[in-house]
Protein backbone atom coordinates (compact mmCIF):
# COMPACT_ATOMS: atom_id res chain seq x y z
CA MET A 1 0.02 -0.01 -0.02
CA ARG A 2 2.71 2.48 1.01
CA LYS A 3 4.84 1.44 -1.98
CA GLY A 4 1.98 2.16 -4.36
CA LEU A 5 1.30 5.57 -2.73
CA LEU A 6 4.99 6.39 -2.91
CA LEU A 7 5.14 5.49 -6.63
CA THR A 8 2.09 7.60 -7.31
CA VAL A 9 3.55 10.64 -5.51
CA LEU A 10 6.90 10.25 -7.29
CA SER A 11 5.13 9.95 -10.66
CA LEU A 12 3.15 13.12 -10.05
CA ILE A 13 6.29 14.97 -9.04
CA LEU A 14 8.17 13.84 -12.16
CA LEU A 15 5.14 14.66 -14.34
CA GLY A 16 5.01 18.18 -12.87
CA VAL A 17 8.75 18.72 -13.37
CA GLY A 18 8.52 17.60 -16.95
CA ALA A 19 5.54 19.85 -17.66
CA CYS A 20 7.48 22.82 -16.36
CA GLY A 21 10.63 21.98 -18.35
CA PRO A 22 12.30 24.34 -20.75
CA ARG A 23 10.45 25.26 -23.90
CA SER A 24 12.32 26.39 -27.00
CA VAL A 25 12.56 26.37 -30.73
CA THR A 26 15.74 25.16 -32.39
CA VAL A 27 16.89 26.03 -35.88
CA ILE A 28 18.74 23.44 -37.94
CA LYS A 29 20.74 24.02 -41.08
CA SER A 30 21.73 20.94 -43.08
CA ASP A 31 24.69 20.81 -45.43
CA CYS A 32 26.46 23.82 -43.92
CA PRO A 33 29.51 24.85 -45.94
CA TYR A 34 30.71 26.76 -42.88
CA GLY A 35 30.61 23.89 -40.38
CA PRO A 36 33.59 23.07 -38.15
CA ARG A 37 34.47 20.01 -40.32
CA GLY A 38 33.32 21.39 -43.62
CA ARG A 39 29.83 20.33 -44.63
CA GLY A 40 27.50 19.09 -41.94
CA GLU A 41 24.49 19.90 -39.88
CA GLN A 42 24.45 22.89 -37.50
CA TRP A 43 21.79 23.80 -34.94
CA ALA A 44 21.11 26.49 -32.33
CA PHE A 45 18.32 27.68 -30.06
CA MET A 46 16.46 30.53 -31.79
CA GLY A 47 17.29 33.69 -29.87
CA SER A 48 20.47 32.29 -28.35
CA GLN A 49 23.18 34.86 -27.92
CA LYS A 50 25.76 32.09 -27.67
CA GLU A 51 28.31 32.50 -30.42
CA SER A 52 27.54 29.91 -33.09
CA LEU A 53 28.04 29.59 -36.83
CA ILE A 54 24.29 29.30 -37.51
CA VAL A 55 23.41 32.40 -35.46
CA ASN A 56 26.14 34.30 -37.29
CA GLN A 57 24.68 33.15 -40.57
CA LEU A 58 21.15 34.14 -39.61
CA CYS A 59 21.98 37.53 -38.07
CA GLY A 60 25.36 38.55 -39.39
CA ALA A 61 25.06 37.36 -42.95
CA GLY A 62 21.42 38.47 -43.33
CA ASP A 63 19.71 35.10 -43.80
CA LEU A 64 17.01 35.91 -41.26
CA GLU A 65 16.13 39.11 -43.14
CA LYS A 66 15.72 37.12 -46.36
CA ILE A 67 13.66 34.46 -44.59
CA LEU A 68 11.37 37.05 -43.01
CA ALA A 69 10.98 38.84 -46.37
CA ALA A 70 9.92 35.51 -47.94
CA SER A 71 7.23 34.94 -45.30
CA ARG A 72 3.75 36.41 -45.42
CA LEU A 73 3.82 37.60 -41.78
CA PRO A 74 2.73 41.19 -41.01
CA VAL A 75 5.68 43.64 -40.87
CA GLU A 76 5.21 44.18 -37.11
CA LYS A 77 5.64 40.44 -36.41
CA LYS A 78 8.65 40.21 -38.72
CA ASP A 79 10.28 43.08 -36.79
CA GLN A 80 9.52 41.40 -33.44
CA ILE A 81 10.99 38.06 -34.64
CA TYR A 82 14.14 39.81 -35.85
CA LEU A 83 14.59 41.47 -32.47
CA ALA A 84 13.89 38.22 -30.61
CA VAL A 85 16.67 36.51 -32.55
CA CYS A 86 19.26 39.12 -33.45
CA SER A 87 19.10 41.98 -30.94
CA PRO A 88 21.15 42.31 -27.75
CA GLU A 89 17.93 41.47 -25.84
CA ALA A 90 17.46 38.24 -27.77
CA SER A 91 16.81 35.07 -25.82
CA PRO A 92 15.36 31.60 -26.50
CA GLN A 93 12.50 32.35 -24.09
CA ARG A 94 11.63 35.62 -25.85
CA PHE A 95 11.59 33.90 -29.27
CA TYR A 96 9.53 30.98 -27.95
CA LYS A 97 6.92 33.18 -26.39
CA LEU A 98 6.66 35.20 -29.64
CA TYR A 99 6.60 32.06 -31.77
CA ARG A 100 3.80 30.56 -29.67
CA SER A 101 1.78 33.79 -30.01
CA LEU A 102 1.66 33.24 -33.77
CA SER A 103 -1.35 31.54 -35.22
CA LEU A 104 -0.92 27.98 -36.56
CA GLU A 105 -1.04 29.36 -40.12
CA GLU A 106 1.63 31.95 -39.31
CA ARG A 107 3.90 29.33 -37.71
CA LEU A 108 3.55 27.07 -40.79
CA ASP A 109 4.29 30.03 -43.08
CA LEU A 110 7.37 30.88 -41.09
CA LYS A 111 8.61 27.26 -41.16
CA LYS A 112 8.09 27.22 -44.95
CA ALA A 113 10.13 30.42 -45.32
CA PHE A 114 12.94 28.92 -43.25
CA LYS A 115 12.82 25.72 -45.27
CA LYS A 116 13.07 27.69 -48.52
CA PHE A 117 16.53 28.84 -47.37
CA GLY A 118 17.62 25.45 -46.12
CA TYR A 119 16.73 25.89 -42.41
CA TYR A 120 14.36 23.92 -40.30
CA LEU A 121 12.54 24.98 -37.13
CA ASN A 122 11.83 22.39 -34.38
CA GLU A 123 9.66 23.23 -31.46
CA TYR A 124 10.16 21.63 -28.03
CA GLY A 125 7.81 22.08 -25.10
């Protein structure tokens, strides 16, 4: 009896911890000519300020501007996304919150725009 109660309590605790886990969106670029070993797959958390090749490509080389221009999102949302990814205030949490505020159609449109330029968005959480 006690063992069953203990297992139930532990399960609920673990379920609660898992439900409160980090939520994020990663961006993946396949076949990167600028990878550490030549061509390969690169990934990063969207909004991460951690120095990475893929963030440099999105923000520094202008890929994100091209991606947003190819999307059908309203200009205001495009500007918010750019700031959430490439500004000094960028963070994975800021991007995730903004991304989740988009309608399903807007998220699909954004994913298609990323895919057009060889990037893939994956949502976790």
